[in-house]
N, C-alpha and C. Protein backbone atom coordinates (compact mmCIF):
# COMPACT_ATOMS: atom_id res chain seq x y z
N MET A 1 -5.56 -4.56 -3.10
CA MET A 1 -6.78 -4.60 -3.98
C MET A 1 -8.15 -5.42 -3.09
N ALA A 2 -7.59 -6.33 -2.02
CA ALA A 2 -7.47 -7.41 -1.01
C ALA A 2 -8.89 -6.35 -0.85
N PHE A 3 -7.86 -5.62 -0.30
CA PHE A 3 -8.71 -4.72 1.04
C PHE A 3 -9.82 -3.98 0.31
N ILE A 4 -9.41 -3.56 -0.59
CA ILE A 4 -10.62 -2.78 -1.00
C ILE A 4 -11.85 -3.29 -1.26
N ALA A 5 -11.88 -4.69 -1.62
CA ALA A 5 -12.73 -5.56 -1.99
C ALA A 5 -13.96 -5.88 -0.64
N THR A 6 -12.54 -6.01 0.02
CA THR A 6 -12.98 -6.12 2.04
C THR A 6 -14.49 -4.75 2.13
N CYS A 7 -13.68 -3.74 1.96
CA CYS A 7 -14.63 -2.45 2.03
C CYS A 7 -16.09 -2.56 1.46
N ILE A 8 -16.07 -3.00 0.34
CA ILE A 8 -17.00 -2.80 -0.71
C ILE A 8 -17.93 -3.64 -0.11
N GLU A 9 -17.62 -5.10 0.19
CA GLU A 9 -18.23 -6.12 0.20
C GLU A 9 -18.93 -5.81 2.07
N ALA A 10 -18.13 -5.64 2.99
CA ALA A 10 -18.57 -5.46 3.70
C ALA A 10 -19.88 -4.44 4.04
N THR A 11 -19.29 -3.44 3.55
CA THR A 11 -20.25 -2.12 3.54
C THR A 11 -21.70 -2.34 2.87
N ALA A 12 -21.55 -3.18 1.78
CA ALA A 12 -22.60 -3.68 0.98
C ALA A 12 -23.82 -4.45 1.98
N ARG A 13 -23.20 -5.73 2.37
CA ARG A 13 -23.78 -6.00 3.77
C ARG A 13 -24.41 -5.32 5.01
N VAL A 14 -23.91 -4.46 5.58
CA VAL A 14 -24.09 -3.93 6.35
C VAL A 14 -25.65 -2.69 5.52
N LEU A 15 -25.06 -2.45 4.00
CA LEU A 15 -26.02 -1.64 3.37
C LEU A 15 -28.11 -2.63 3.33
N GLY A 16 -27.06 -3.73 2.62
CA GLY A 16 -28.48 -4.82 2.40
C GLY A 16 -28.49 -4.46 1.44
N THR A 17 -26.88 -4.04 0.36
CA THR A 17 -27.18 -4.15 -1.22
C THR A 17 -26.08 -4.48 -2.08
N SER A 18 -25.88 -4.77 -2.79
CA SER A 18 -25.38 -5.47 -3.71
C SER A 18 -23.28 -5.07 -3.85
N TYR A 19 -22.51 -5.54 -3.80
CA TYR A 19 -21.68 -4.98 -3.77
C TYR A 19 -21.17 -3.90 -4.83
N LYS A 20 -21.45 -4.58 -5.60
CA LYS A 20 -21.60 -3.90 -7.42
C LYS A 20 -22.38 -2.33 -7.13
N THR A 21 -23.40 -2.17 -6.81
CA THR A 21 -24.00 -0.82 -6.38
C THR A 21 -22.80 -0.35 -4.81
N VAL A 22 -22.62 -0.63 -4.51
CA VAL A 22 -21.87 0.10 -3.40
C VAL A 22 -20.62 0.31 -3.98
N PHE A 23 -19.62 -0.56 -5.43
CA PHE A 23 -18.67 0.12 -5.53
C PHE A 23 -19.39 1.49 -7.03
N GLU A 24 -19.38 1.35 -7.41
CA GLU A 24 -20.65 2.08 -8.23
C GLU A 24 -20.48 3.53 -7.50
N ARG A 25 -21.51 3.54 -6.62
CA ARG A 25 -21.43 4.87 -4.94
C ARG A 25 -20.45 5.13 -5.01
N MET A 26 -19.32 4.22 -4.75
CA MET A 26 -18.22 4.66 -4.60
C MET A 26 -17.14 5.53 -5.13
N LYS A 27 -17.24 4.35 -6.46
CA LYS A 27 -16.71 4.87 -7.78
C LYS A 27 -17.07 6.75 -8.28
N ARG A 28 -18.49 6.59 -8.35
CA ARG A 28 -18.59 8.15 -8.84
C ARG A 28 -18.23 9.36 -7.87
N VAL A 29 -18.08 9.49 -6.31
CA VAL A 29 -17.52 9.96 -5.74
C VAL A 29 -16.31 9.90 -5.01
N LYS A 30 -15.06 8.75 -6.14
CA LYS A 30 -13.94 8.79 -5.69
C LYS A 30 -13.60 8.51 -4.55
N LEU A 31 -14.29 7.80 -4.09
CA LEU A 31 -13.79 7.42 -2.58
C LEU A 31 -13.13 6.50 -2.11
N ILE A 32 -12.60 5.53 -3.28
CA ILE A 32 -12.06 4.39 -3.43
C ILE A 32 -10.82 5.10 -3.22
N ASP A 33 -10.18 5.95 -4.14
CA ASP A 33 -9.03 6.97 -4.26
C ASP A 33 -8.62 7.82 -3.20
N ASP A 34 -9.87 8.75 -3.25
CA ASP A 34 -9.43 9.91 -2.56
C ASP A 34 -9.42 9.35 -0.80
N TYR A 35 -9.81 8.53 -0.36
CA TYR A 35 -10.45 8.10 1.12
C TYR A 35 -10.13 7.01 1.17
N ILE A 36 -10.40 5.81 0.76
CA ILE A 36 -9.63 4.11 1.25
C ILE A 36 -8.58 3.94 0.87
N LEU A 37 -8.02 4.29 0.18
CA LEU A 37 -6.58 4.37 -0.30
C LEU A 37 -5.51 5.35 0.77
N PRO A 38 -5.79 6.06 1.09
CA PRO A 38 -4.94 7.28 0.92
C PRO A 38 -5.28 6.32 2.41
N ASN A 39 -6.37 6.05 2.94
CA ASN A 39 -6.74 6.21 4.67
C ASN A 39 -6.28 4.56 4.84
N TYR A 40 -5.69 4.25 4.25
CA TYR A 40 -5.27 2.06 4.65
C TYR A 40 -4.58 2.13 5.35
N GLU A 41 -3.27 2.30 5.97
CA GLU A 41 -3.14 2.60 7.43
C GLU A 41 -4.08 1.87 8.45
N VAL A 42 -4.34 3.18 8.80
CA VAL A 42 -5.99 3.18 9.65
C VAL A 42 -6.31 2.20 9.68
N LEU A 43 -7.30 2.19 8.08
CA LEU A 43 -8.67 1.52 8.69
C LEU A 43 -8.32 0.04 8.72
N HIS A 44 -7.05 -0.58 7.95
CA HIS A 44 -7.40 -1.53 8.37
C HIS A 44 -6.75 -2.55 9.45
N SER A 45 -6.52 -1.46 9.70
CA SER A 45 -6.29 -1.94 11.44
C SER A 45 -7.72 -2.21 12.26
N GLU A 46 -9.01 -1.95 11.47
CA GLU A 46 -10.35 -1.69 12.21
C GLU A 46 -11.28 -3.12 11.93
N SER A 47 -11.75 -3.30 12.43
CA SER A 47 -12.96 -3.99 12.72
C SER A 47 -13.96 -3.84 10.99
N ARG A 48 -14.04 -5.49 10.42
CA ARG A 48 -15.15 -5.12 9.11
C ARG A 48 -16.56 -3.64 9.71
N ASP A 49 -17.41 -4.10 10.34
CA ASP A 49 -18.20 -3.17 11.18
C ASP A 49 -17.83 -2.01 11.37
N ASN A 50 -16.97 -1.73 11.73
CA ASN A 50 -16.45 -0.27 11.40
C ASN A 50 -15.96 0.48 10.57
N ILE A 51 -15.69 -0.06 9.73
CA ILE A 51 -15.21 0.35 8.84
C ILE A 51 -16.37 0.56 7.62
N ALA A 52 -16.94 -0.51 7.96
CA ALA A 52 -18.06 -0.49 7.15
C ALA A 52 -18.95 1.14 7.60
N LYS A 53 -19.49 1.03 8.36
CA LYS A 53 -20.33 2.84 9.38
C LYS A 53 -19.66 3.78 9.30
N GLY A 54 -18.23 3.29 9.37
CA GLY A 54 -17.90 4.77 8.64
C GLY A 54 -17.56 5.02 7.07
N LEU A 55 -17.59 4.26 6.51
CA LEU A 55 -17.57 4.54 5.13
C LEU A 55 -19.35 4.49 4.59
N ILE A 56 -20.15 3.88 5.61
CA ILE A 56 -21.42 4.45 5.19
C ILE A 56 -22.04 5.36 4.96
N GLU A 57 -20.71 6.44 6.31
CA GLU A 57 -21.24 7.62 6.41
C GLU A 57 -20.28 8.42 5.83
N CYS A 58 -18.65 8.36 5.46
CA CYS A 58 -18.36 9.00 4.43
C CYS A 58 -19.43 8.99 3.62
N LEU A 59 -19.60 7.97 2.58
CA LEU A 59 -20.36 7.72 1.47
C LEU A 59 -21.37 8.29 1.17
N ASN A 60 -22.20 8.79 2.22
CA ASN A 60 -23.29 9.57 1.94
C ASN A 60 -22.92 11.21 2.16
N LYS A 61 -22.01 11.62 2.90
CA LYS A 61 -21.33 13.27 2.63
C LYS A 61 -21.68 13.15 1.50
N TRP A 62 -20.36 12.45 0.87
CA TRP A 62 -19.58 12.45 -0.17
C TRP A 62 -21.02 13.32 -1.85
N GLU A 63 -21.93 12.13 -1.39
CA GLU A 63 -22.94 12.01 -2.25
C GLU A 63 -23.69 13.12 -2.42
N GLU A 64 -23.80 14.36 -1.05
CA GLU A 64 -24.47 14.89 -0.85
C GLU A 64 -23.75 16.30 -1.27
N LYS A 65 -22.71 16.20 -1.18
CA LYS A 65 -21.39 17.12 -2.20
C LYS A 65 -21.83 17.61 -2.95
N LYS A 66 -21.66 16.48 -4.27
CA LYS A 66 -22.38 16.22 -5.79
C LYS A 66 -23.60 16.55 -6.36
C-alpha cells in the first residue's frame, strides 16, 4: 500500500493537483488494481518522476476509453 500511495502522490505532484483527485481518477478506471499492482516489480524500480509520467500517460489513455 505504501507504494500505491507513493504512485498517487508523485502523480498528483506532477499534475499539480491533489492526491485525492488522482486517487479518484485512478479508482474510476481501475488503474491501481489492473495496472499498478500487477506491474509492481517493474514500476518500483523506476524513479518517482518516471513512474508519475508513465502513470499520467496510462491514466489519460484509460480515461479516453471509458
